[in-house]
Amino acid sequence: PAYKHDLADVSADSVVFLTNRRDGIDFDVV
């Protein structure tokens, strides 16, 4: 709950999301 996890893409095997959990500022693609 301290960070954002924005849903970006979904397949049968995986979910792609965008998150700023690394530093609270910059977003990564996971």
PDB file of all heavy atoms in Angstrom:
ATOM      1  N   PRO A   1       0.793  -1.240   0.000  1.00  0.00           N
ATOM      2  CA  PRO A   1       0.000   0.000   0.000  1.00  0.00           C
ATOM      3  C   PRO A   1       0.816   1.277   0.000  1.00  0.00           C
ATOM      4  O   PRO A   1       0.265   2.359  -0.209  1.00  0.00           O
ATOM      5  CB  PRO A   1      -0.836  -0.125   1.285  1.00  0.00           C
ATOM      6  CG  PRO A   1      -0.125  -1.123   2.134  1.00  0.00           C
ATOM      7  CD  PRO A   1       0.543  -2.068   1.186  1.00  0.00           C
ATOM      8  N   ALA A   2       2.119   1.178   0.192  1.00  0.00           N
ATOM      9  CA  ALA A   2       2.959   2.376   0.163  1.00  0.00           C
ATOM     10  C   ALA A   2       3.275   2.835  -1.253  1.00  0.00           C
ATOM     11  O   ALA A   2       3.776   3.952  -1.441  1.00  0.00           O
ATOM     12  CB  ALA A   2       4.256   2.123   0.930  1.00  0.00           C
ATOM     13  N   TYR A   3       2.976   1.972  -2.261  1.00  0.00           N
ATOM     14  CA  TYR A   3       3.382   2.282  -3.626  1.00  0.00           C
ATOM     15  C   TYR A   3       2.267   1.985  -4.619  1.00  0.00           C
ATOM     16  O   TYR A   3       1.297   1.288  -4.316  1.00  0.00           O
ATOM     17  CB  TYR A   3       4.635   1.478  -4.001  1.00  0.00           C
ATOM     18  CG  TYR A   3       5.798   1.740  -3.091  1.00  0.00           C
ATOM     19  CD1 TYR A   3       6.194   0.804  -2.132  1.00  0.00           C
ATOM     20  CD2 TYR A   3       6.496   2.946  -3.163  1.00  0.00           C
ATOM     21  CE1 TYR A   3       7.255   1.053  -1.280  1.00  0.00           C
ATOM     22  CE2 TYR A   3       7.560   3.206  -2.318  1.00  0.00           C
ATOM     23  CZ  TYR A   3       7.937   2.269  -1.372  1.00  0.00           C
ATOM     24  OH  TYR A   3       8.978   2.530  -0.529  1.00  0.00           O
ATOM     25  N   LYS A   4       2.447   2.491  -5.821  1.00  0.00           N
ATOM     26  CA  LYS A   4       1.508   2.268  -6.907  1.00  0.00           C
ATOM     27  C   LYS A   4       1.888   1.029  -7.715  1.00  0.00           C
ATOM     28  O   LYS A   4       3.076   0.773  -7.928  1.00  0.00           O
ATOM     29  CB  LYS A   4       1.480   3.477  -7.861  1.00  0.00           C
ATOM     30  CG  LYS A   4       0.812   4.715  -7.279  1.00  0.00           C
ATOM     31  CD  LYS A   4       0.944   5.911  -8.218  1.00  0.00           C
ATOM     32  CE  LYS A   4       0.239   5.703  -9.544  1.00  0.00           C
ATOM     33  NZ  LYS A   4      -1.222   5.624  -9.399  1.00  0.00           N
ATOM     34  N   HIS A   5       0.868   0.316  -8.172  1.00  0.00           N
ATOM     35  CA  HIS A   5       1.071  -0.822  -9.073  1.00  0.00           C
ATOM     36  C   HIS A   5      -0.039  -0.750 -10.117  1.00  0.00           C
ATOM     37  O   HIS A   5      -1.142  -1.253  -9.895  1.00  0.00           O
ATOM     38  CB  HIS A   5       1.010  -2.148  -8.306  1.00  0.00           C
ATOM     39  CG  HIS A   5       1.789  -2.140  -7.032  1.00  0.00           C
ATOM     40  ND1 HIS A   5       1.243  -1.721  -5.833  1.00  0.00           N
ATOM     41  CD2 HIS A   5       3.069  -2.488  -6.768  1.00  0.00           C
ATOM     42  CE1 HIS A   5       2.163  -1.812  -4.881  1.00  0.00           C
ATOM     43  NE2 HIS A   5       3.278  -2.275  -5.423  1.00  0.00           N
ATOM     44  N   ASP A   6       0.238  -0.091 -11.218  1.00  0.00           N
ATOM     45  CA  ASP A   6      -0.779   0.167 -12.240  1.00  0.00           C
ATOM     46  C   ASP A   6      -0.797  -0.962 -13.267  1.00  0.00           C
ATOM     47  O   ASP A   6       0.232  -1.263 -13.892  1.00  0.00           O
ATOM     48  CB  ASP A   6      -0.504   1.493 -12.946  1.00  0.00           C
ATOM     49  CG  ASP A   6      -0.626   2.690 -12.011  1.00  0.00           C
ATOM     50  OD1 ASP A   6      -1.352   2.562 -10.997  1.00  0.00           O
ATOM     51  OD2 ASP A   6       0.004   3.732 -12.287  1.00  0.00           O
ATOM     52  N   LEU A   7      -1.958  -1.568 -13.445  1.00  0.00           N
ATOM     53  CA  LEU A   7      -2.106  -2.675 -14.383  1.00  0.00           C
ATOM     54  C   LEU A   7      -1.898  -2.187 -15.814  1.00  0.00           C
ATOM     55  O   LEU A   7      -2.526  -1.233 -16.257  1.00  0.00           O
ATOM     56  CB  LEU A   7      -3.501  -3.282 -14.231  1.00  0.00           C
ATOM     57  CG  LEU A   7      -3.834  -4.506 -15.079  1.00  0.00           C
ATOM     58  CD1 LEU A   7      -2.894  -5.663 -14.764  1.00  0.00           C
ATOM     59  CD2 LEU A   7      -5.288  -4.911 -14.851  1.00  0.00           C
ATOM     60  N   ALA A   8      -1.006  -2.856 -16.548  1.00  0.00           N
ATOM     61  CA  ALA A   8      -0.682  -2.439 -17.909  1.00  0.00           C
ATOM     62  C   ALA A   8      -1.105  -3.457 -18.962  1.00  0.00           C
ATOM     63  O   ALA A   8      -1.611  -3.089 -20.019  1.00  0.00           O
ATOM     64  CB  ALA A   8       0.819  -2.164 -18.040  1.00  0.00           C
ATOM     65  N   ASP A   9      -0.902  -4.759 -18.707  1.00  0.00           N
ATOM     66  CA  ASP A   9      -1.172  -5.772 -19.725  1.00  0.00           C
ATOM     67  C   ASP A   9      -1.356  -7.121 -19.024  1.00  0.00           C
ATOM     68  O   ASP A   9      -0.754  -7.372 -17.968  1.00  0.00           O
ATOM     69  CB  ASP A   9       0.001  -5.832 -20.719  1.00  0.00           C
ATOM     70  CG  ASP A   9      -0.370  -6.509 -22.037  1.00  0.00           C
ATOM     71  OD1 ASP A   9      -1.553  -6.825 -22.225  1.00  0.00           O
ATOM     72  OD2 ASP A   9       0.533  -6.721 -22.867  1.00  0.00           O
ATOM     73  N   VAL A  10      -2.187  -7.982 -19.608  1.00  0.00           N
ATOM     74  CA  VAL A  10      -2.461  -9.296 -19.030  1.00  0.00           C
ATOM     75  C   VAL A  10      -2.419 -10.337 -20.137  1.00  0.00           C
ATOM     76  O   VAL A  10      -2.998 -10.145 -21.216  1.00  0.00           O
ATOM     77  CB  VAL A  10      -3.850  -9.335 -18.344  1.00  0.00           C
ATOM     78  CG1 VAL A  10      -4.088 -10.715 -17.717  1.00  0.00           C
ATOM     79  CG2 VAL A  10      -3.961  -8.254 -17.278  1.00  0.00           C
ATOM     80  N   SER A  11      -1.748 -11.459 -19.857  1.00  0.00           N
ATOM     81  CA  SER A  11      -1.789 -12.622 -20.747  1.00  0.00           C
ATOM     82  C   SER A  11      -2.208 -13.827 -19.923  1.00  0.00           C
ATOM     83  O   SER A  11      -2.435 -13.730 -18.716  1.00  0.00           O
ATOM     84  CB  SER A  11      -0.421 -12.867 -21.385  1.00  0.00           C
ATOM     85  OG  SER A  11       0.484 -13.376 -20.416  1.00  0.00           O
ATOM     86  N   ALA A  12      -2.291 -14.999 -20.555  1.00  0.00           N
ATOM     87  CA  ALA A  12      -2.670 -16.203 -19.828  1.00  0.00           C
ATOM     88  C   ALA A  12      -1.644 -16.577 -18.770  1.00  0.00           C
ATOM     89  O   ALA A  12      -1.978 -17.245 -17.775  1.00  0.00           O
ATOM     90  CB  ALA A  12      -2.841 -17.363 -20.813  1.00  0.00           C
ATOM     91  N   ASP A  13      -0.410 -16.136 -18.957  1.00  0.00           N
ATOM     92  CA  ASP A  13       0.671 -16.554 -18.069  1.00  0.00           C
ATOM     93  C   ASP A  13       1.182 -15.471 -17.138  1.00  0.00           C
ATOM     94  O   ASP A  13       1.804 -15.785 -16.114  1.00  0.00           O
ATOM     95  CB  ASP A  13       1.858 -17.072 -18.898  1.00  0.00           C
ATOM     96  CG  ASP A  13       1.462 -18.179 -19.843  1.00  0.00           C
ATOM     97  OD1 ASP A  13       0.731 -19.095 -19.396  1.00  0.00           O
ATOM     98  OD2 ASP A  13       1.857 -18.129 -21.026  1.00  0.00           O
ATOM     99  N   SER A  14       0.955 -14.205 -17.486  1.00  0.00           N
ATOM    100  CA  SER A  14       1.630 -13.151 -16.720  1.00  0.00           C
ATOM    101  C   SER A  14       0.834 -11.852 -16.721  1.00  0.00           C
ATOM    102  O   SER A  14      -0.074 -11.649 -17.525  1.00  0.00           O
ATOM    103  CB  SER A  14       3.032 -12.904 -17.296  1.00  0.00           C
ATOM    104  OG  SER A  14       2.943 -12.436 -18.636  1.00  0.00           O
ATOM    105  N   VAL A  15       1.239 -10.990 -15.807  1.00  0.00           N
ATOM    106  CA  VAL A  15       0.670  -9.652 -15.686  1.00  0.00           C
ATOM    107  C   VAL A  15       1.813  -8.648 -15.784  1.00  0.00           C
ATOM    108  O   VAL A  15       2.849  -8.817 -15.115  1.00  0.00           O
ATOM    109  CB  VAL A  15      -0.071  -9.487 -14.347  1.00  0.00           C
ATOM    110  CG1 VAL A  15      -0.447  -8.030 -14.107  1.00  0.00           C
ATOM    111  CG2 VAL A  15      -1.318 -10.363 -14.318  1.00  0.00           C
ATOM    112  N   VAL A  16       1.645  -7.630 -16.611  1.00  0.00           N
ATOM    113  CA  VAL A  16       2.614  -6.539 -16.702  1.00  0.00           C
ATOM    114  C   VAL A  16       2.052  -5.355 -15.917  1.00  0.00           C
ATOM    115  O   VAL A  16       0.893  -4.969 -16.102  1.00  0.00           O
ATOM    116  CB  VAL A  16       2.869  -6.132 -18.169  1.00  0.00           C
ATOM    117  CG1 VAL A  16       3.884  -4.992 -18.239  1.00  0.00           C
ATOM    118  CG2 VAL A  16       3.343  -7.327 -18.988  1.00  0.00           C
ATOM    119  N   PHE A  17       2.867  -4.790 -15.034  1.00  0.00           N
ATOM    120  CA  PHE A  17       2.404  -3.634 -14.267  1.00  0.00           C
ATOM    121  C   PHE A  17       3.509  -2.593 -14.144  1.00  0.00           C
ATOM    122  O   PHE A  17       4.699  -2.877 -14.342  1.00  0.00           O
ATOM    123  CB  PHE A  17       1.881  -4.052 -12.888  1.00  0.00           C
ATOM    124  CG  PHE A  17       2.897  -4.667 -11.959  1.00  0.00           C
ATOM    125  CD1 PHE A  17       3.557  -3.896 -11.005  1.00  0.00           C
ATOM    126  CD2 PHE A  17       3.192  -6.028 -12.019  1.00  0.00           C
ATOM    127  CE1 PHE A  17       4.483  -4.456 -10.141  1.00  0.00           C
ATOM    128  CE2 PHE A  17       4.114  -6.608 -11.158  1.00  0.00           C
ATOM    129  CZ  PHE A  17       4.774  -5.816 -10.215  1.00  0.00           C
ATOM    130  N   LEU A  18       3.091  -1.373 -13.835  1.00  0.00           N
ATOM    131  CA  LEU A  18       3.992  -0.238 -13.668  1.00  0.00           C
ATOM    132  C   LEU A  18       4.019   0.113 -12.182  1.00  0.00           C
ATOM    133  O   LEU A  18       2.967   0.278 -11.565  1.00  0.00           O
ATOM    134  CB  LEU A  18       3.509   0.972 -14.471  1.00  0.00           C
ATOM    135  CG  LEU A  18       3.024   0.703 -15.904  1.00  0.00           C
ATOM    136  CD1 LEU A  18       2.480   1.981 -16.532  1.00  0.00           C
ATOM    137  CD2 LEU A  18       4.152   0.126 -16.751  1.00  0.00           C
ATOM    138  N   THR A  19       5.207   0.249 -11.620  1.00  0.00           N
ATOM    139  CA  THR A  19       5.290   0.492 -10.184  1.00  0.00           C
ATOM    140  C   THR A  19       6.414   1.458  -9.837  1.00  0.00           C
ATOM    141  O   THR A  19       7.468   1.461 -10.479  1.00  0.00           O
ATOM    142  CB  THR A  19       5.494  -0.821  -9.410  1.00  0.00           C
ATOM    143  OG1 THR A  19       5.576  -0.543  -8.009  1.00  0.00           O
ATOM    144  CG2 THR A  19       6.746  -1.558  -9.862  1.00  0.00           C
ATOM    145  N   ASN A  20       6.171   2.242  -8.784  1.00  0.00           N
ATOM    146  CA  ASN A  20       7.203   3.161  -8.279  1.00  0.00           C
ATOM    147  C   ASN A  20       7.797   2.667  -6.965  1.00  0.00           C
ATOM    148  O   ASN A  20       8.342   3.446  -6.185  1.00  0.00           O
ATOM    149  CB  ASN A  20       6.613   4.564  -8.098  1.00  0.00           C
ATOM    150  CG  ASN A  20       5.519   4.610  -7.032  1.00  0.00           C
ATOM    151  OD1 ASN A  20       4.945   3.587  -6.647  1.00  0.00           O
ATOM    152  ND2 ASN A  20       5.204   5.808  -6.552  1.00  0.00           N
ATOM    153  N   ARG A  21       7.728   1.346  -6.718  1.00  0.00           N
ATOM    154  CA  ARG A  21       8.158   0.813  -5.430  1.00  0.00           C
ATOM    155  C   ARG A  21       9.671   0.860  -5.232  1.00  0.00           C
ATOM    156  O   ARG A  21      10.145   0.696  -4.093  1.00  0.00           O
ATOM    157  CB  ARG A  21       7.656  -0.623  -5.272  1.00  0.00           C
ATOM    158  CG  ARG A  21       8.268  -1.620  -6.234  1.00  0.00           C
ATOM    159  CD  ARG A  21       7.583  -2.976  -6.167  1.00  0.00           C
ATOM    160  NE  ARG A  21       8.193  -3.943  -7.077  1.00  0.00           N
ATOM    161  CZ  ARG A  21       7.674  -5.133  -7.339  1.00  0.00           C
ATOM    162  NH1 ARG A  21       6.525  -5.490  -6.774  1.00  0.00           N
ATOM    163  NH2 ARG A  21       8.280  -5.957  -8.168  1.00  0.00           N
ATOM    164  N   ARG A  22      10.426   1.092  -6.300  1.00  0.00           N
ATOM    165  CA  ARG A  22      11.893   1.125  -6.137  1.00  0.00           C
ATOM    166  C   ARG A  22      12.329   2.325  -5.315  1.00  0.00           C
ATOM    167  O   ARG A  22      13.189   2.207  -4.430  1.00  0.00           O
ATOM    168  CB  ARG A  22      12.564   1.132  -7.523  1.00  0.00           C
ATOM    169  CG  ARG A  22      14.072   1.262  -7.486  1.00  0.00           C
ATOM    170  CD  ARG A  22      14.690   0.903  -8.827  1.00  0.00           C
ATOM    171  NE  ARG A  22      14.026   1.536  -9.948  1.00  0.00           N
ATOM    172  CZ  ARG A  22      14.329   2.759 -10.418  1.00  0.00           C
ATOM    173  NH1 ARG A  22      15.291   3.452  -9.849  1.00  0.00           N
ATOM    174  NH2 ARG A  22      13.679   3.257 -11.447  1.00  0.00           N
ATOM    175  N   ASP A  23      11.759   3.516  -5.591  1.00  0.00           N
ATOM    176  CA  ASP A  23      12.164   4.709  -4.848  1.00  0.00           C
ATOM    177  C   ASP A  23      11.001   5.652  -4.549  1.00  0.00           C
ATOM    178  O   ASP A  23      11.218   6.742  -4.009  1.00  0.00           O
ATOM    179  CB  ASP A  23      13.270   5.462  -5.591  1.00  0.00           C
ATOM    180  CG  ASP A  23      12.834   5.939  -6.982  1.00  0.00           C
ATOM    181  OD1 ASP A  23      11.635   5.842  -7.306  1.00  0.00           O
ATOM    182  OD2 ASP A  23      13.700   6.415  -7.739  1.00  0.00           O
ATOM    183  N   GLY A  24       9.773   5.244  -4.900  1.00  0.00           N
ATOM    184  CA  GLY A  24       8.616   6.102  -4.646  1.00  0.00           C
ATOM    185  C   GLY A  24       8.405   7.169  -5.689  1.00  0.00           C
ATOM    186  O   GLY A  24       7.406   7.895  -5.634  1.00  0.00           O
ATOM    187  N   ILE A  25       9.307   7.280  -6.639  1.00  0.00           N
ATOM    188  CA  ILE A  25       9.232   8.349  -7.647  1.00  0.00           C
ATOM    189  C   ILE A  25       9.214   7.767  -9.057  1.00  0.00           C
ATOM    190  O   ILE A  25       8.240   7.932  -9.799  1.00  0.00           O
ATOM    191  CB  ILE A  25      10.416   9.329  -7.498  1.00  0.00           C
ATOM    192  CG1 ILE A  25      10.421   9.950  -6.098  1.00  0.00           C
ATOM    193  CG2 ILE A  25      10.343  10.410  -8.571  1.00  0.00           C
ATOM    194  CD1 ILE A  25      11.641  10.800  -5.805  1.00  0.00           C
ATOM    195  N   ASP A  26      10.307   7.100  -9.435  1.00  0.00           N
ATOM    196  CA  ASP A  26      10.432   6.567 -10.795  1.00  0.00           C
ATOM    197  C   ASP A  26       9.663   5.251 -10.944  1.00  0.00           C
ATOM    198  O   ASP A  26       9.600   4.436 -10.024  1.00  0.00           O
ATOM    199  CB  ASP A  26      11.907   6.338 -11.128  1.00  0.00           C
ATOM    200  CG  ASP A  26      12.668   7.641 -11.229  1.00  0.00           C
ATOM    201  OD1 ASP A  26      12.253   8.508 -12.024  1.00  0.00           O
ATOM    202  OD2 ASP A  26      13.667   7.801 -10.504  1.00  0.00           O
ATOM    203  N   PHE A  27       9.125   5.048 -12.149  1.00  0.00           N
ATOM    204  CA  PHE A  27       8.333   3.852 -12.411  1.00  0.00           C
ATOM    205  C   PHE A  27       9.147   2.818 -13.190  1.00  0.00           C
ATOM    206  O   PHE A  27       9.906   3.163 -14.092  1.00  0.00           O
ATOM    207  CB  PHE A  27       7.069   4.213 -13.191  1.00  0.00           C
ATOM    208  CG  PHE A  27       6.006   4.842 -12.338  1.00  0.00           C
ATOM    209  CD1 PHE A  27       6.086   6.176 -11.974  1.00  0.00           C
ATOM    210  CD2 PHE A  27       4.933   4.091 -11.876  1.00  0.00           C
ATOM    211  CE1 PHE A  27       5.127   6.756 -11.173  1.00  0.00           C
ATOM    212  CE2 PHE A  27       3.963   4.657 -11.072  1.00  0.00           C
ATOM    213  CZ  PHE A  27       4.048   5.991 -10.718  1.00  0.00           C
ATOM    214  N   ASP A  28       8.942   1.559 -12.816  1.00  0.00           N
ATOM    215  CA  ASP A  28       9.546   0.430 -13.516  1.00  0.00           C
ATOM    216  C   ASP A  28       8.438  -0.372 -14.194  1.00  0.00           C
ATOM    217  O   ASP A  28       7.273  -0.319 -13.796  1.00  0.00           O
ATOM    218  CB  ASP A  28      10.285  -0.488 -12.537  1.00  0.00           C
ATOM    219  CG  ASP A  28      11.392   0.218 -11.778  1.00  0.00           C
ATOM    220  OD1 ASP A  28      11.876   1.257 -12.268  1.00  0.00           O
ATOM    221  OD2 ASP A  28      11.762  -0.280 -10.699  1.00  0.00           O
ATOM    222  N   VAL A  29       8.833  -1.151 -15.204  1.00  0.00           N
ATOM    223  CA  VAL A  29       7.927  -2.107 -15.836  1.00  0.00           C
ATOM    224  C   VAL A  29       8.306  -3.493 -15.339  1.00  0.00           C
ATOM    225  O   VAL A  29       9.444  -3.928 -15.517  1.00  0.00           O
ATOM    226  CB  VAL A  29       8.018  -2.050 -17.372  1.00  0.00           C
ATOM    227  CG1 VAL A  29       7.063  -3.072 -17.994  1.00  0.00           C
ATOM    228  CG2 VAL A  29       7.689  -0.648 -17.877  1.00  0.00           C
ATOM    229  N   VAL A  30       7.332  -4.172 -14.718  1.00  0.00           N
ATOM    230  CA  VAL A  30       7.592  -5.466 -14.099  1.00  0.00           C
ATOM    231  C   VAL A  30       6.605  -6.494 -14.642  1.00  0.00           C
ATOM    232  O   VAL A  30       5.415  -6.196 -14.817  1.00  0.00           O
ATOM    233  CB  VAL A  30       7.473  -5.376 -12.563  1.00  0.00           C
ATOM    234  CG1 VAL A  30       7.726  -6.735 -11.911  1.00  0.00           C
ATOM    235  CG2 VAL A  30       8.448  -4.341 -12.006  1.00  0.00           C
TER     236      VAL A  30
END
